[in-house]
Amino acid sequence: MVGHSKWANVRRRESAQARRRSREPGDLSQTGRQLVRFEGYGPGDEAVMVDCLTDDRGRLGAEVRQTFVEHGGRLGADGSVSYLFNVVGLMTYPPGTDEERLMQVALEAGAEDVVPHDDLSVEVLADPHEFSTVCAVLTHHGFAPTTAEVTQRATISMELSGEAAERMVHLLEALEELDEVRDVYSNVEISHEVLARL
C-alpha cells in the first residue's frame, strides 16, 4: 500500500506558512474581525473545516462557497463535520527518529499517543492542556519536534489516491489561498505519490 499523509499534517509551503502567521489575530475587539468556521464536503464527501479571521462573514462565506463549488465540493451546515475532529496537541518528528525511545519519553511526559507512519516519521499527540509540558519535557530529553502546535485532528480518515486525491488537493489548496483563511483541516489521507506529483 502506498504511504498516506493526513492533510492537516502535510508540511505547507513556506509562503503559505508566512501568510498564516500574518493572519494571526491580535486584539479582535480592536480590529473588528471575528473568528469564523465554515464546514463542508470535498468532491467525494470528504470532511473539510475552514477556520477564518474576517470582518465580513457574508462576503467571506460567498468566497468559501464559490471555492467549494468550483472544485466539486459543497458547504455544509454548522456542526456537519466538526464532530469528526478533536483538538489535540501535535508534535511531529522526521524519519530516523528513535521511535522506541521517543515513545518511552513521551508517555512518561504525559502524551496520549505516539503514532508511527509508513514513511518512518512519528507524531506525538497530547491533551491540549498538557501540550506545553509534554513538548518541554520532550525537548529537554533531546526530542525537539519539527513542528509543534495545538490543532484539529480527524477521528476517522478517508484514504484517497489517483484523480480523487488530486481533485481534493486542488480544493484544499484553493481554500488555503483565500486571504482570510487561517487553517484548513480535512479527514483525508493523500498518497505521497500524489503529493509528490502535485
C-alpha atoms as a PDB file:
ATOM      1  CA  MET A   1       0.000   0.000   0.000  1.00  0.00           C
ATOM      2  CA  VAL A   2       1.251   3.474  -0.828  1.00  0.00           C
ATOM      3  CA  GLY A   3       2.061   5.615   2.219  1.00  0.00           C
ATOM      4  CA  HIS A   4      -0.517   8.250   3.072  1.00  0.00           C
ATOM      5  CA  SER A   5      -0.267  11.613   4.780  1.00  0.00           C
ATOM      6  CA  LYS A   6      -3.004  13.423   6.684  1.00  0.00           C
ATOM      7  CA  TRP A   7      -3.689  16.757   5.014  1.00  0.00           C
ATOM      8  CA  ALA A   8      -3.634  18.640   8.313  1.00  0.00           C
ATOM      9  CA  ASN A   9      -0.086  17.412   8.881  1.00  0.00           C
ATOM     10  CA  VAL A  10       1.356  17.992   5.410  1.00  0.00           C
ATOM     11  CA  ARG A  11       4.204  20.458   5.551  1.00  0.00           C
ATOM     12  CA  ARG A  12       2.906  23.570   3.860  1.00  0.00           C
ATOM     13  CA  ARG A  13       4.882  25.758   1.519  1.00  0.00           C
ATOM     14  CA  GLU A  14       6.868  28.495   3.251  1.00  0.00           C
ATOM     15  CA  SER A  15       4.745  31.205   1.643  1.00  0.00           C
ATOM     16  CA  ALA A  16       1.546  29.625   2.969  1.00  0.00           C
ATOM     17  CA  GLN A  17       3.059  29.468   6.459  1.00  0.00           C
ATOM     18  CA  ALA A  18       4.102  33.106   6.237  1.00  0.00           C
ATOM     19  CA  ARG A  19       0.594  34.132   5.171  1.00  0.00           C
ATOM     20  CA  ARG A  20      -0.873  32.148   8.052  1.00  0.00           C
ATOM     21  CA  ARG A  21       1.390  33.870  10.589  1.00  0.00           C
ATOM     22  CA  SER A  22       0.445  37.258   9.175  1.00  0.00           C
ATOM     23  CA  ARG A  23      -3.227  36.403   9.749  1.00  0.00           C
ATOM     24  CA  GLU A  24      -2.807  35.585  13.430  1.00  0.00           C
ATOM     25  CA  PRO A  25      -5.317  37.565  15.466  1.00  0.00           C
ATOM     26  CA  GLY A  26      -4.208  40.419  17.632  1.00  0.00           C
ATOM     27  CA  ASP A  27      -6.851  42.038  19.803  1.00  0.00           C
ATOM     28  CA  LEU A  28     -10.003  41.148  17.846  1.00  0.00           C
ATOM     29  CA  SER A  29     -12.079  43.769  19.683  1.00  0.00           C
ATOM     30  CA  GLN A  30      -9.760  46.446  18.251  1.00  0.00           C
ATOM     31  CA  THR A  31      -9.738  45.144  14.680  1.00  0.00           C
ATOM     32  CA  GLY A  32     -13.438  44.390  14.229  1.00  0.00           C
ATOM     33  CA  ARG A  33     -12.502  40.948  12.908  1.00  0.00           C
ATOM     34  CA  GLN A  34     -14.016  37.720  14.144  1.00  0.00           C
ATOM     35  CA  LEU A  35     -13.069  34.071  14.045  1.00  0.00           C
ATOM     36  CA  VAL A  36     -15.395  32.152  11.735  1.00  0.00           C
ATOM     37  CA  ARG A  37     -15.554  28.454  10.863  1.00  0.00           C
ATOM     38  CA  PHE A  38     -17.037  27.006   7.682  1.00  0.00           C
ATOM     39  CA  GLU A  39     -17.715  23.300   7.313  1.00  0.00           C
ATOM     40  CA  GLY A  40     -18.220  21.390   4.113  1.00  0.00           C
ATOM     41  CA  TYR A  41     -17.528  18.403   1.926  1.00  0.00           C
ATOM     42  CA  GLY A  42     -14.970  17.669  -0.769  1.00  0.00           C
ATOM     43  CA  PRO A  43     -15.770  16.200  -4.193  1.00  0.00           C
ATOM     44  CA  GLY A  44     -16.151  12.702  -2.702  1.00  0.00           C
ATOM     45  CA  ASP A  45     -17.904  13.771   0.531  1.00  0.00           C
ATOM     46  CA  GLU A  46     -14.647  14.118   2.493  1.00  0.00           C
ATOM     47  CA  ALA A  47     -14.901  16.346   5.590  1.00  0.00           C
ATOM     48  CA  VAL A  48     -13.392  19.842   5.371  1.00  0.00           C
ATOM     49  CA  MET A  49     -13.225  22.554   8.055  1.00  0.00           C
ATOM     50  CA  VAL A  50     -12.042  26.067   7.256  1.00  0.00           C
ATOM     51  CA  ASP A  51     -11.084  28.468  10.070  1.00  0.00           C
ATOM     52  CA  CYS A  52     -11.035  32.133   9.083  1.00  0.00           C
ATOM     53  CA  LEU A  53     -10.489  35.594  10.516  1.00  0.00           C
ATOM     54  CA  THR A  54     -12.699  38.204   8.871  1.00  0.00           C
ATOM     55  CA  ASP A  55     -14.517  41.500   9.287  1.00  0.00           C
ATOM     56  CA  ASP A  56     -17.241  40.461   6.792  1.00  0.00           C
ATOM     57  CA  ARG A  57     -18.658  36.991   7.321  1.00  0.00           C
ATOM     58  CA  GLY A  58     -21.152  37.278   4.447  1.00  0.00           C
ATOM     59  CA  ARG A  59     -18.578  38.221   1.827  1.00  0.00           C
ATOM     60  CA  LEU A  60     -16.131  35.581   3.016  1.00  0.00           C
ATOM     61  CA  GLY A  61     -18.894  32.964   3.146  1.00  0.00           C
ATOM     62  CA  ALA A  62     -19.636  33.637  -0.520  1.00  0.00           C
ATOM     63  CA  GLU A  63     -15.927  33.259  -1.410  1.00  0.00           C
ATOM     64  CA  VAL A  64     -15.604  29.997   0.508  1.00  0.00           C
ATOM     65  CA  ARG A  65     -18.833  28.624  -1.015  1.00  0.00           C
ATOM     66  CA  GLN A  66     -17.645  29.532  -4.517  1.00  0.00           C
ATOM     67  CA  THR A  67     -14.292  27.811  -3.924  1.00  0.00           C
ATOM     68  CA  PHE A  68     -16.028  24.631  -2.780  1.00  0.00           C
ATOM     69  CA  VAL A  69     -18.348  24.660  -5.823  1.00  0.00           C
ATOM     70  CA  GLU A  70     -15.519  25.329  -8.315  1.00  0.00           C
ATOM     71  CA  HIS A  71     -13.706  22.225  -7.069  1.00  0.00           C
ATOM     72  CA  GLY A  72     -16.676  19.854  -6.857  1.00  0.00           C
ATOM     73  CA  GLY A  73     -17.402  20.270  -3.152  1.00  0.00           C
ATOM     74  CA  ARG A  74     -20.146  21.940  -1.166  1.00  0.00           C
ATOM     75  CA  LEU A  75     -20.632  23.833   2.078  1.00  0.00           C
ATOM     76  CA  GLY A  76     -22.436  22.104   4.934  1.00  0.00           C
ATOM     77  CA  ALA A  77     -24.327  23.365   7.959  1.00  0.00           C
ATOM     78  CA  ASP A  78     -22.598  24.361  11.191  1.00  0.00           C
ATOM     79  CA  GLY A  79     -21.629  21.174  13.010  1.00  0.00           C
ATOM     80  CA  SER A  80     -21.938  18.988   9.915  1.00  0.00           C
ATOM     81  CA  VAL A  81     -18.299  17.803  10.037  1.00  0.00           C
ATOM     82  CA  SER A  82     -16.727  19.367  13.154  1.00  0.00           C
ATOM     83  CA  TYR A  83     -17.889  16.414  15.261  1.00  0.00           C
ATOM     84  CA  LEU A  84     -15.339  14.311  13.318  1.00  0.00           C
ATOM     85  CA  PHE A  85     -12.418  16.353  14.709  1.00  0.00           C
ATOM     86  CA  ASN A  86     -10.752  16.664  18.106  1.00  0.00           C
ATOM     87  CA  VAL A  87      -8.471  19.431  19.353  1.00  0.00           C
ATOM     88  CA  VAL A  88      -5.055  17.901  20.076  1.00  0.00           C
ATOM     89  CA  GLY A  89      -1.526  18.946  20.841  1.00  0.00           C
ATOM     90  CA  LEU A  90       0.532  17.619  17.916  1.00  0.00           C
ATOM     91  CA  MET A  91       4.308  17.261  17.703  1.00  0.00           C
ATOM     92  CA  THR A  92       5.935  15.780  14.589  1.00  0.00           C
ATOM     93  CA  TYR A  93       9.300  14.076  14.186  1.00  0.00           C
ATOM     94  CA  PRO A  94      11.142  13.227  10.954  1.00  0.00           C
ATOM     95  CA  PRO A  95      12.097   9.761   9.674  1.00  0.00           C
ATOM     96  CA  GLY A  96      15.086   8.397  11.561  1.00  0.00           C
ATOM     97  CA  THR A  97      13.868   9.493  14.996  1.00  0.00           C
ATOM     98  CA  ASP A  98      14.439   6.815  17.648  1.00  0.00           C
ATOM     99  CA  GLU A  99      10.788   5.764  17.852  1.00  0.00           C
ATOM    100  CA  GLU A 100      11.159   3.428  20.839  1.00  0.00           C
ATOM    101  CA  ARG A 101      12.982   5.979  22.995  1.00  0.00           C
ATOM    102  CA  LEU A 102      10.640   8.782  21.861  1.00  0.00           C
ATOM    103  CA  MET A 103       7.634   6.666  22.842  1.00  0.00           C
ATOM    104  CA  GLN A 104       9.093   5.975  26.279  1.00  0.00           C
ATOM    105  CA  VAL A 105       9.870   9.642  26.989  1.00  0.00           C
ATOM    106  CA  ALA A 106       6.583  10.880  25.512  1.00  0.00           C
ATOM    107  CA  LEU A 107       4.369   8.536  27.513  1.00  0.00           C
ATOM    108  CA  GLU A 108       6.287   9.292  30.717  1.00  0.00           C
ATOM    109  CA  ALA A 109       5.787  13.011  29.978  1.00  0.00           C
ATOM    110  CA  GLY A 110       2.011  12.542  29.734  1.00  0.00           C
ATOM    111  CA  ALA A 111       1.451  12.222  25.969  1.00  0.00           C
ATOM    112  CA  GLU A 112      -1.743  10.451  24.941  1.00  0.00           C
ATOM    113  CA  ASP A 113      -0.347   8.575  21.941  1.00  0.00           C
ATOM    114  CA  VAL A 114       2.691   8.089  19.736  1.00  0.00           C
ATOM    115  CA  VAL A 115       1.830   7.379  16.090  1.00  0.00           C
ATOM    116  CA  PRO A 116       4.455   5.952  13.705  1.00  0.00           C
ATOM    117  CA  HIS A 117       3.884   6.349   9.941  1.00  0.00           C
ATOM    118  CA  ASP A 118       4.852   4.294   6.880  1.00  0.00           C
ATOM    119  CA  ASP A 119       7.473   6.895   5.914  1.00  0.00           C
ATOM    120  CA  LEU A 120       9.072   6.378   9.381  1.00  0.00           C
ATOM    121  CA  SER A 121       8.037   9.824  10.623  1.00  0.00           C
ATOM    122  CA  VAL A 122       6.405   9.913  14.054  1.00  0.00           C
ATOM    123  CA  GLU A 123       3.654  12.019  15.628  1.00  0.00           C
ATOM    124  CA  VAL A 124       3.147  12.573  19.347  1.00  0.00           C
ATOM    125  CA  LEU A 125      -0.351  13.516  20.487  1.00  0.00           C
ATOM    126  CA  ALA A 126      -1.091  15.259  23.780  1.00  0.00           C
ATOM    127  CA  ASP A 127      -4.059  16.784  25.543  1.00  0.00           C
ATOM    128  CA  PRO A 128      -4.125  20.498  24.587  1.00  0.00           C
ATOM    129  CA  HIS A 129      -3.868  21.461  28.280  1.00  0.00           C
ATOM    130  CA  GLU A 130      -0.761  19.291  28.713  1.00  0.00           C
ATOM    131  CA  PHE A 131       0.772  20.193  25.339  1.00  0.00           C
ATOM    132  CA  SER A 132       3.318  22.770  26.580  1.00  0.00           C
ATOM    133  CA  THR A 133       4.531  20.492  29.357  1.00  0.00           C
ATOM    134  CA  VAL A 134       4.856  17.422  27.125  1.00  0.00           C
ATOM    135  CA  CYS A 135       6.664  19.457  24.442  1.00  0.00           C
ATOM    136  CA  ALA A 136       9.063  20.941  27.010  1.00  0.00           C
ATOM    137  CA  VAL A 137       9.889  17.530  28.509  1.00  0.00           C
ATOM    138  CA  LEU A 138      10.486  16.001  25.069  1.00  0.00           C
ATOM    139  CA  THR A 139      12.738  18.888  24.046  1.00  0.00           C
ATOM    140  CA  HIS A 140      14.648  18.610  27.334  1.00  0.00           C
ATOM    141  CA  HIS A 141      15.319  14.926  26.565  1.00  0.00           C
ATOM    142  CA  GLY A 142      16.654  15.706  23.076  1.00  0.00           C
ATOM    143  CA  PHE A 143      13.433  15.281  21.121  1.00  0.00           C
ATOM    144  CA  ALA A 144      12.782  18.791  19.811  1.00  0.00           C
ATOM    145  CA  PRO A 145       9.827  18.422  17.404  1.00  0.00           C
ATOM    146  CA  THR A 146       9.960  19.509  13.766  1.00  0.00           C
ATOM    147  CA  THR A 147       6.533  21.083  14.242  1.00  0.00           C
ATOM    148  CA  ALA A 148       4.520  21.600  17.418  1.00  0.00           C
ATOM    149  CA  GLU A 149       1.033  23.060  17.588  1.00  0.00           C
ATOM    150  CA  VAL A 150      -2.427  22.682  19.027  1.00  0.00           C
ATOM    151  CA  THR A 151      -4.554  21.706  16.056  1.00  0.00           C
ATOM    152  CA  GLN A 152      -7.606  19.794  14.848  1.00  0.00           C
ATOM    153  CA  ARG A 153      -7.225  16.099  14.066  1.00  0.00           C
ATOM    154  CA  ALA A 154      -9.798  13.872  12.398  1.00  0.00           C
ATOM    155  CA  THR A 155     -11.003  10.862  14.373  1.00  0.00           C
ATOM    156  CA  ILE A 156     -11.847   8.969  11.161  1.00  0.00           C
ATOM    157  CA  SER A 157      -9.870   9.293   7.936  1.00  0.00           C
ATOM    158  CA  MET A 158     -10.506   8.590   4.268  1.00  0.00           C
ATOM    159  CA  GLU A 159      -7.660   7.411   2.048  1.00  0.00           C
ATOM    160  CA  LEU A 160      -7.577   8.978  -1.393  1.00  0.00           C
ATOM    161  CA  SER A 161      -5.378   8.282  -4.387  1.00  0.00           C
ATOM    162  CA  GLY A 162      -5.407   8.943  -8.122  1.00  0.00           C
ATOM    163  CA  GLU A 163      -7.762  11.536  -9.614  1.00  0.00           C
ATOM    164  CA  ALA A 164      -9.936  11.776  -6.484  1.00  0.00           C
ATOM    165  CA  ALA A 165      -6.886  12.732  -4.414  1.00  0.00           C
ATOM    166  CA  GLU A 166      -5.773  15.306  -6.990  1.00  0.00           C
ATOM    167  CA  ARG A 167      -9.206  16.965  -7.017  1.00  0.00           C
ATOM    168  CA  MET A 168      -9.221  17.116  -3.226  1.00  0.00           C
ATOM    169  CA  VAL A 169      -5.717  18.595  -3.058  1.00  0.00           C
ATOM    170  CA  HIS A 170      -6.775  21.315  -5.529  1.00  0.00           C
ATOM    171  CA  LEU A 171      -9.790  22.161  -3.334  1.00  0.00           C
ATOM    172  CA  LEU A 172      -7.730  22.286  -0.135  1.00  0.00           C
ATOM    173  CA  GLU A 173      -5.021  24.431  -1.737  1.00  0.00           C
ATOM    174  CA  ALA A 174      -7.608  26.802  -3.213  1.00  0.00           C
ATOM    175  CA  LEU A 175      -9.183  27.248   0.221  1.00  0.00           C
ATOM    176  CA  GLU A 176      -5.767  27.903   1.798  1.00  0.00           C
ATOM    177  CA  GLU A 177      -5.101  30.591  -0.806  1.00  0.00           C
ATOM    178  CA  LEU A 178      -8.092  32.700   0.296  1.00  0.00           C
ATOM    179  CA  ASP A 179      -6.804  35.802   2.087  1.00  0.00           C
ATOM    180  CA  GLU A 180      -8.761  35.452   5.319  1.00  0.00           C
ATOM    181  CA  VAL A 181      -8.345  31.701   5.767  1.00  0.00           C
ATOM    182  CA  ARG A 182      -6.110  30.752   8.714  1.00  0.00           C
ATOM    183  CA  ASP A 183      -6.337  26.955   8.686  1.00  0.00           C
ATOM    184  CA  VAL A 184      -7.859  24.191   6.581  1.00  0.00           C
ATOM    185  CA  TYR A 185      -8.487  20.758   8.095  1.00  0.00           C
ATOM    186  CA  SER A 186      -9.665  17.586   6.417  1.00  0.00           C
ATOM    187  CA  ASN A 187     -10.046  13.917   7.232  1.00  0.00           C
ATOM    188  CA  VAL A 188      -8.339  12.806   4.019  1.00  0.00           C
ATOM    189  CA  GLU A 189      -5.115  10.882   3.747  1.00  0.00           C
ATOM    190  CA  ILE A 190      -3.446  11.653   0.431  1.00  0.00           C
ATOM    191  CA  SER A 191      -0.909   9.280  -1.091  1.00  0.00           C
ATOM    192  CA  HIS A 192       2.677  10.581  -1.025  1.00  0.00           C
ATOM    193  CA  GLU A 193       2.831   9.733  -4.733  1.00  0.00           C
ATOM    194  CA  VAL A 194       0.035  12.219  -5.474  1.00  0.00           C
ATOM    195  CA  LEU A 195       1.566  14.905  -3.244  1.00  0.00           C
ATOM    196  CA  ALA A 196       4.943  14.500  -4.950  1.00  0.00           C
ATOM    197  CA  ARG A 197       3.336  14.758  -8.394  1.00  0.00           C
ATOM    198  CA  LEU A 198       1.469  17.924  -7.465  1.00  0.00           C
END
